[in-house]
Structure formats: structure tokens, C-alpha cells
């Protein structure tokens, strides 16, 4: 099983987007999660660092500047999706990636506070 480190740049990017109210509260993650085509299109216009900022996990041992290096995407490459953060919490918890789970959970709580969800 792969192991993951928390990507601190992604955590900061997500928090900044939330603070700027660049989020979607209600979406079906299965419909809005960026697929391979959307990720490839994004990489044609953006750097690997910008791509990495959308992924809360970094696969340990994977080469930099590869998709395999990046895991736990939380947005549609434009905005944070609450459903994306919930998916990150769930998947990380399911596979016992505790640090990623807690980072995603903290961001979800920050989003809910910012959006006035109690």
C-alpha cells in the first residue's frame, strides 16, 4: 500500500481559497472530480507546483512531476468542493492515512465555519 505525506502547500492553497470564498458547498463529487482529461488540460497551462497545490497528499517514493506523486484532490482545479474534502477525509480514513485524514478534516471544519455551517 502506498504511503502519503501531507502536502503543506496544498493545505495552504486550500485554506486561502476557502478564505477567498472560492468554494462550492453542494456538488456531487463523482460528477465534478477532475478526470484524467481535465488534469492533462490543466497541466498544459499550469506548472507542476500549481497542480500539486490541488492535492493534499504526496505519494512517498514517487517521482516529482508525475501524476503518481499527487493524491487526494479536493477541488475541480478552480474551486474547493466540500464534497471533495469529505471524499479526502473518507478515503484517507478508510486506508488509514491518518495525517492526510486530519488535514482534510481540519480544512472541512474551516470551510464549514467560513460558510456558516454549524
N, C-alpha and C. Protein backbone atom coordinates (compact mmCIF):
# COMPACT_ATOMS: atom_id res chain seq x y z
N UNK A 1 0.85 -1.18 0.00
CA UNK A 1 0.00 0.00 0.00
C UNK A 1 0.89 1.25 0.00
N UNK A 2 0.50 2.23 -0.78
CA UNK A 2 1.25 3.48 -0.85
C UNK A 2 1.13 4.22 0.48
N UNK A 3 2.15 5.01 0.76
CA UNK A 3 2.10 5.90 1.91
C UNK A 3 2.17 7.34 1.41
N UNK A 4 1.59 8.22 2.19
CA UNK A 4 1.46 9.61 1.77
C UNK A 4 1.93 10.57 2.85
N UNK A 5 2.56 11.63 2.42
CA UNK A 5 2.89 12.75 3.29
C UNK A 5 1.86 13.84 3.00
N UNK A 6 1.55 14.64 4.00
CA UNK A 6 0.67 15.78 3.78
C UNK A 6 1.43 16.82 2.97
N UNK A 7 0.75 17.38 2.00
CA UNK A 7 1.33 18.42 1.16
C UNK A 7 1.00 19.78 1.78
N UNK A 8 1.95 20.40 2.49
CA UNK A 8 1.65 21.65 3.19
C UNK A 8 1.28 22.79 2.23
N UNK A 9 1.82 22.78 1.02
CA UNK A 9 1.46 23.82 0.05
C UNK A 9 0.00 23.68 -0.37
N UNK A 10 -0.49 22.45 -0.49
CA UNK A 10 -1.89 22.23 -0.84
C UNK A 10 -2.80 22.64 0.30
N UNK A 11 -2.40 22.35 1.52
CA UNK A 11 -3.20 22.77 2.68
C UNK A 11 -3.32 24.29 2.69
N UNK A 12 -2.21 24.99 2.48
CA UNK A 12 -2.22 26.45 2.46
C UNK A 12 -3.07 26.98 1.30
N UNK A 13 -2.95 26.36 0.14
CA UNK A 13 -3.72 26.77 -1.04
C UNK A 13 -5.21 26.59 -0.79
N UNK A 14 -5.59 25.46 -0.25
CA UNK A 14 -6.99 25.18 0.05
C UNK A 14 -7.54 26.19 1.06
N UNK A 15 -6.79 26.43 2.11
CA UNK A 15 -7.21 27.39 3.14
C UNK A 15 -7.38 28.79 2.54
N UNK A 16 -6.45 29.19 1.67
CA UNK A 16 -6.55 30.51 1.04
C UNK A 16 -7.78 30.60 0.13
N UNK A 17 -8.07 29.53 -0.60
CA UNK A 17 -9.27 29.53 -1.45
C UNK A 17 -10.54 29.64 -0.60
N UNK A 18 -10.55 28.91 0.50
CA UNK A 18 -11.71 28.99 1.40
C UNK A 18 -11.86 30.41 1.94
N UNK A 19 -10.76 31.01 2.36
CA UNK A 19 -10.81 32.37 2.89
C UNK A 19 -11.30 33.37 1.85
N UNK A 20 -11.02 33.10 0.57
CA UNK A 20 -11.49 33.96 -0.53
C UNK A 20 -12.89 33.57 -1.01
N UNK A 21 -13.48 32.60 -0.32
CA UNK A 21 -14.82 32.10 -0.65
C UNK A 21 -14.89 31.48 -2.05
N UNK A 22 -13.81 30.84 -2.42
CA UNK A 22 -13.74 30.13 -3.70
C UNK A 22 -14.06 28.66 -3.47
N UNK A 23 -15.32 28.40 -3.14
CA UNK A 23 -15.72 27.03 -2.84
C UNK A 23 -17.14 26.76 -3.32
N UNK A 24 -17.45 25.48 -3.41
CA UNK A 24 -18.79 25.01 -3.77
C UNK A 24 -19.26 24.14 -2.61
N UNK A 25 -20.41 24.49 -2.06
CA UNK A 25 -20.91 23.75 -0.90
C UNK A 25 -21.67 22.49 -1.29
N UNK A 26 -22.40 22.53 -2.37
CA UNK A 26 -23.23 21.40 -2.77
C UNK A 26 -22.84 20.92 -4.16
N UNK A 27 -22.23 19.77 -4.24
CA UNK A 27 -21.88 19.18 -5.53
C UNK A 27 -21.78 17.67 -5.36
N UNK A 28 -21.91 16.98 -6.45
CA UNK A 28 -21.72 15.53 -6.49
C UNK A 28 -20.28 15.30 -6.91
N UNK A 29 -19.45 14.88 -5.96
CA UNK A 29 -18.02 14.74 -6.22
C UNK A 29 -17.74 13.82 -7.41
N UNK A 30 -18.53 12.81 -7.58
CA UNK A 30 -18.35 11.91 -8.72
C UNK A 30 -18.51 12.62 -10.05
N UNK A 31 -19.29 13.68 -10.08
CA UNK A 31 -19.52 14.43 -11.32
C UNK A 31 -18.50 15.54 -11.53
N UNK A 32 -17.98 16.13 -10.46
CA UNK A 32 -17.11 17.30 -10.60
C UNK A 32 -15.63 17.01 -10.38
N UNK A 33 -15.32 15.85 -9.84
CA UNK A 33 -13.91 15.49 -9.61
C UNK A 33 -13.17 15.51 -10.95
N UNK A 34 -12.01 16.16 -11.00
CA UNK A 34 -11.30 16.25 -12.28
C UNK A 34 -10.83 14.87 -12.77
N UNK A 35 -11.21 14.54 -14.00
CA UNK A 35 -10.78 13.27 -14.59
C UNK A 35 -9.42 13.47 -15.26
N UNK A 36 -8.90 12.41 -15.86
CA UNK A 36 -7.57 12.46 -16.46
C UNK A 36 -7.48 13.53 -17.54
N UNK A 37 -8.53 13.68 -18.33
CA UNK A 37 -8.53 14.69 -19.40
C UNK A 37 -8.45 16.10 -18.82
N UNK A 38 -9.22 16.36 -17.78
CA UNK A 38 -9.19 17.68 -17.14
C UNK A 38 -7.84 17.95 -16.50
N UNK A 39 -7.25 16.93 -15.89
CA UNK A 39 -5.93 17.10 -15.28
C UNK A 39 -4.87 17.37 -16.34
N UNK A 40 -4.93 16.65 -17.46
CA UNK A 40 -3.98 16.88 -18.54
C UNK A 40 -4.11 18.29 -19.11
N UNK A 41 -5.35 18.74 -19.30
CA UNK A 41 -5.57 20.09 -19.80
C UNK A 41 -5.03 21.13 -18.82
N UNK A 42 -5.22 20.89 -17.54
CA UNK A 42 -4.70 21.81 -16.52
C UNK A 42 -3.17 21.87 -16.60
N UNK A 43 -2.55 20.71 -16.73
CA UNK A 43 -1.08 20.66 -16.77
C UNK A 43 -0.50 21.31 -18.03
N UNK A 44 -1.29 21.41 -19.09
CA UNK A 44 -0.82 22.11 -20.29
C UNK A 44 -0.70 23.61 -20.06
N UNK A 45 -1.47 24.13 -19.10
CA UNK A 45 -1.50 25.57 -18.85
C UNK A 45 -0.87 25.99 -17.53
N UNK A 46 -0.51 25.02 -16.69
CA UNK A 46 -0.02 25.33 -15.35
C UNK A 46 1.21 24.49 -15.03
N UNK A 47 1.92 24.92 -14.01
CA UNK A 47 3.13 24.21 -13.58
C UNK A 47 2.76 23.00 -12.71
N UNK A 48 3.75 22.15 -12.50
CA UNK A 48 3.55 21.01 -11.59
C UNK A 48 3.28 21.48 -10.17
N UNK A 49 3.91 22.59 -9.77
CA UNK A 49 3.66 23.13 -8.43
C UNK A 49 2.20 23.57 -8.28
N UNK A 50 1.66 24.19 -9.33
CA UNK A 50 0.26 24.60 -9.28
C UNK A 50 -0.66 23.37 -9.25
N UNK A 51 -0.31 22.35 -10.00
CA UNK A 51 -1.07 21.09 -9.99
C UNK A 51 -1.01 20.45 -8.61
N UNK A 52 0.17 20.42 -8.03
CA UNK A 52 0.35 19.80 -6.71
C UNK A 52 -0.49 20.50 -5.64
N UNK A 53 -0.72 21.79 -5.80
CA UNK A 53 -1.47 22.56 -4.81
C UNK A 53 -2.92 22.11 -4.68
N UNK A 54 -3.39 21.29 -5.60
CA UNK A 54 -4.76 20.76 -5.55
C UNK A 54 -4.82 19.38 -4.92
N UNK A 55 -3.70 18.88 -4.40
CA UNK A 55 -3.63 17.52 -3.86
C UNK A 55 -3.08 17.54 -2.44
N UNK A 56 -3.88 17.06 -1.49
CA UNK A 56 -3.47 17.09 -0.09
C UNK A 56 -2.41 16.07 0.26
N UNK A 57 -2.23 15.06 -0.57
CA UNK A 57 -1.25 14.02 -0.30
C UNK A 57 -0.17 13.95 -1.35
N UNK A 58 1.04 13.65 -0.89
CA UNK A 58 2.17 13.39 -1.78
C UNK A 58 2.59 11.94 -1.58
N UNK A 59 2.58 11.16 -2.64
CA UNK A 59 2.94 9.76 -2.56
C UNK A 59 4.43 9.63 -2.28
N UNK A 60 4.75 8.99 -1.18
CA UNK A 60 6.16 8.83 -0.81
C UNK A 60 6.81 7.84 -1.76
N UNK A 61 7.98 8.22 -2.28
CA UNK A 61 8.73 7.38 -3.20
C UNK A 61 8.42 7.61 -4.66
N UNK A 62 7.35 8.31 -4.98
CA UNK A 62 7.02 8.59 -6.38
C UNK A 62 7.84 9.78 -6.87
N UNK A 63 8.14 9.77 -8.15
CA UNK A 63 8.92 10.85 -8.74
C UNK A 63 8.13 12.15 -8.78
N UNK A 64 8.82 13.26 -8.51
CA UNK A 64 8.20 14.57 -8.66
C UNK A 64 7.80 14.75 -10.12
N UNK A 65 6.88 15.66 -10.36
CA UNK A 65 6.39 15.98 -11.69
C UNK A 65 5.83 14.76 -12.41
N UNK A 66 5.11 13.93 -11.64
CA UNK A 66 4.32 12.84 -12.20
C UNK A 66 2.97 12.86 -11.48
N UNK A 67 1.95 12.41 -12.18
CA UNK A 67 0.63 12.34 -11.53
C UNK A 67 0.65 11.36 -10.37
N UNK A 68 1.47 10.34 -10.45
CA UNK A 68 1.54 9.34 -9.38
C UNK A 68 2.00 9.96 -8.06
N UNK A 69 2.67 11.07 -8.12
CA UNK A 69 3.17 11.74 -6.92
C UNK A 69 2.05 12.41 -6.12
N UNK A 70 0.93 12.70 -6.77
CA UNK A 70 -0.11 13.54 -6.17
C UNK A 70 -1.39 12.75 -5.91
N UNK A 71 -1.93 12.90 -4.71
CA UNK A 71 -3.14 12.16 -4.33
C UNK A 71 -4.05 13.04 -3.48
N UNK A 72 -5.29 12.64 -3.39
CA UNK A 72 -6.29 13.31 -2.57
C UNK A 72 -6.61 14.72 -3.08
N UNK A 73 -7.09 14.77 -4.32
CA UNK A 73 -7.54 16.04 -4.91
C UNK A 73 -8.80 16.49 -4.19
N UNK A 74 -8.92 17.79 -3.95
CA UNK A 74 -10.03 18.31 -3.15
C UNK A 74 -10.90 19.32 -3.89
N UNK A 75 -10.58 19.61 -5.13
CA UNK A 75 -11.34 20.60 -5.87
C UNK A 75 -11.36 20.28 -7.35
N UNK A 76 -12.03 21.14 -8.10
CA UNK A 76 -12.17 20.94 -9.54
C UNK A 76 -11.09 21.67 -10.34
N UNK A 77 -10.02 22.05 -9.68
CA UNK A 77 -8.88 22.78 -10.24
C UNK A 77 -9.22 24.25 -10.47
N UNK A 78 -10.35 24.68 -9.90
CA UNK A 78 -10.72 26.09 -9.87
C UNK A 78 -11.21 26.51 -8.49
N UNK A 79 -12.00 25.61 -7.86
CA UNK A 79 -12.59 25.92 -6.57
C UNK A 79 -12.52 24.68 -5.68
N UNK A 80 -12.56 24.92 -4.38
CA UNK A 80 -12.65 23.85 -3.39
C UNK A 80 -14.09 23.32 -3.43
N UNK A 81 -14.24 22.03 -3.34
CA UNK A 81 -15.57 21.44 -3.22
C UNK A 81 -15.68 20.78 -1.85
N UNK A 82 -16.74 21.13 -1.14
CA UNK A 82 -16.97 20.50 0.16
C UNK A 82 -17.03 18.98 0.01
N UNK A 83 -17.67 18.53 -1.05
CA UNK A 83 -17.75 17.09 -1.29
C UNK A 83 -16.37 16.48 -1.56
N UNK A 84 -15.46 17.26 -2.14
CA UNK A 84 -14.09 16.80 -2.36
C UNK A 84 -13.34 16.62 -1.06
N UNK A 85 -13.51 17.57 -0.14
CA UNK A 85 -12.87 17.44 1.17
C UNK A 85 -13.45 16.25 1.94
N UNK A 86 -14.77 16.06 1.84
CA UNK A 86 -15.38 14.91 2.50
C UNK A 86 -14.81 13.62 1.92
N UNK A 87 -14.65 13.57 0.61
CA UNK A 87 -14.07 12.38 -0.04
C UNK A 87 -12.65 12.14 0.44
N UNK A 88 -11.87 13.20 0.60
CA UNK A 88 -10.49 13.06 1.09
C UNK A 88 -10.48 12.50 2.51
N UNK A 89 -11.34 13.05 3.37
CA UNK A 89 -11.43 12.54 4.75
C UNK A 89 -11.78 11.06 4.72
N UNK A 90 -12.80 10.72 3.97
CA UNK A 90 -13.28 9.34 3.94
C UNK A 90 -12.22 8.38 3.41
N UNK A 91 -11.65 8.70 2.25
CA UNK A 91 -10.65 7.80 1.65
C UNK A 91 -9.42 7.67 2.53
N UNK A 92 -8.95 8.78 3.09
CA UNK A 92 -7.77 8.71 3.95
C UNK A 92 -8.06 7.89 5.20
N UNK A 93 -9.25 8.07 5.78
CA UNK A 93 -9.62 7.28 6.96
C UNK A 93 -9.74 5.80 6.61
N UNK A 94 -10.37 5.53 5.46
CA UNK A 94 -10.58 4.15 5.04
C UNK A 94 -9.26 3.39 4.91
N UNK A 95 -8.24 4.06 4.37
CA UNK A 95 -6.95 3.41 4.13
C UNK A 95 -5.91 3.75 5.19
N UNK A 96 -6.34 4.36 6.28
CA UNK A 96 -5.51 4.64 7.46
C UNK A 96 -4.32 5.57 7.17
N UNK A 97 -4.59 6.59 6.39
CA UNK A 97 -3.59 7.64 6.15
C UNK A 97 -3.95 8.80 7.08
N UNK A 98 -3.63 8.63 8.34
CA UNK A 98 -4.14 9.49 9.40
C UNK A 98 -3.78 10.96 9.22
N UNK A 99 -2.57 11.27 8.83
CA UNK A 99 -2.17 12.67 8.70
C UNK A 99 -2.95 13.38 7.60
N UNK A 100 -3.16 12.69 6.48
CA UNK A 100 -3.96 13.28 5.40
C UNK A 100 -5.41 13.42 5.85
N UNK A 101 -5.92 12.40 6.53
CA UNK A 101 -7.28 12.45 7.05
C UNK A 101 -7.49 13.67 7.94
N UNK A 102 -6.56 13.90 8.87
CA UNK A 102 -6.71 15.02 9.79
C UNK A 102 -6.56 16.36 9.10
N UNK A 103 -5.66 16.45 8.12
CA UNK A 103 -5.51 17.70 7.36
C UNK A 103 -6.80 18.01 6.61
N UNK A 104 -7.38 17.00 5.96
CA UNK A 104 -8.63 17.20 5.22
C UNK A 104 -9.76 17.55 6.17
N UNK A 105 -9.81 16.89 7.33
CA UNK A 105 -10.85 17.18 8.32
C UNK A 105 -10.74 18.61 8.81
N UNK A 106 -9.53 19.06 9.12
CA UNK A 106 -9.34 20.44 9.58
C UNK A 106 -9.80 21.44 8.51
N UNK A 107 -9.50 21.15 7.25
CA UNK A 107 -9.92 22.05 6.16
C UNK A 107 -11.44 22.03 6.00
N UNK A 108 -12.04 20.88 6.16
CA UNK A 108 -13.50 20.78 6.09
C UNK A 108 -14.14 21.62 7.20
N UNK A 109 -13.59 21.55 8.40
CA UNK A 109 -14.12 22.34 9.51
C UNK A 109 -13.94 23.84 9.24
N UNK A 110 -12.80 24.21 8.66
CA UNK A 110 -12.55 25.62 8.32
C UNK A 110 -13.56 26.08 7.27
N UNK A 111 -13.82 25.26 6.26
CA UNK A 111 -14.80 25.59 5.24
C UNK A 111 -16.18 25.77 5.86
N UNK A 112 -16.57 24.84 6.71
CA UNK A 112 -17.89 24.93 7.33
C UNK A 112 -18.02 26.19 8.19
N UNK A 113 -17.00 26.50 8.95
CA UNK A 113 -17.05 27.73 9.76
C UNK A 113 -17.16 28.96 8.86
N UNK A 114 -16.35 29.00 7.82
CA UNK A 114 -16.33 30.14 6.91
C UNK A 114 -17.69 30.30 6.21
N UNK A 115 -18.31 29.18 5.86
CA UNK A 115 -19.59 29.20 5.15
C UNK A 115 -20.78 29.36 6.09
N UNK A 116 -20.52 29.34 7.40
CA UNK A 116 -21.59 29.47 8.37
C UNK A 116 -22.39 28.22 8.59
N UNK A 117 -21.77 27.07 8.32
CA UNK A 117 -22.42 25.77 8.55
C UNK A 117 -22.13 25.36 9.98
N UNK A 118 -23.19 25.14 10.75
CA UNK A 118 -22.99 24.77 12.14
C UNK A 118 -23.61 23.44 12.45
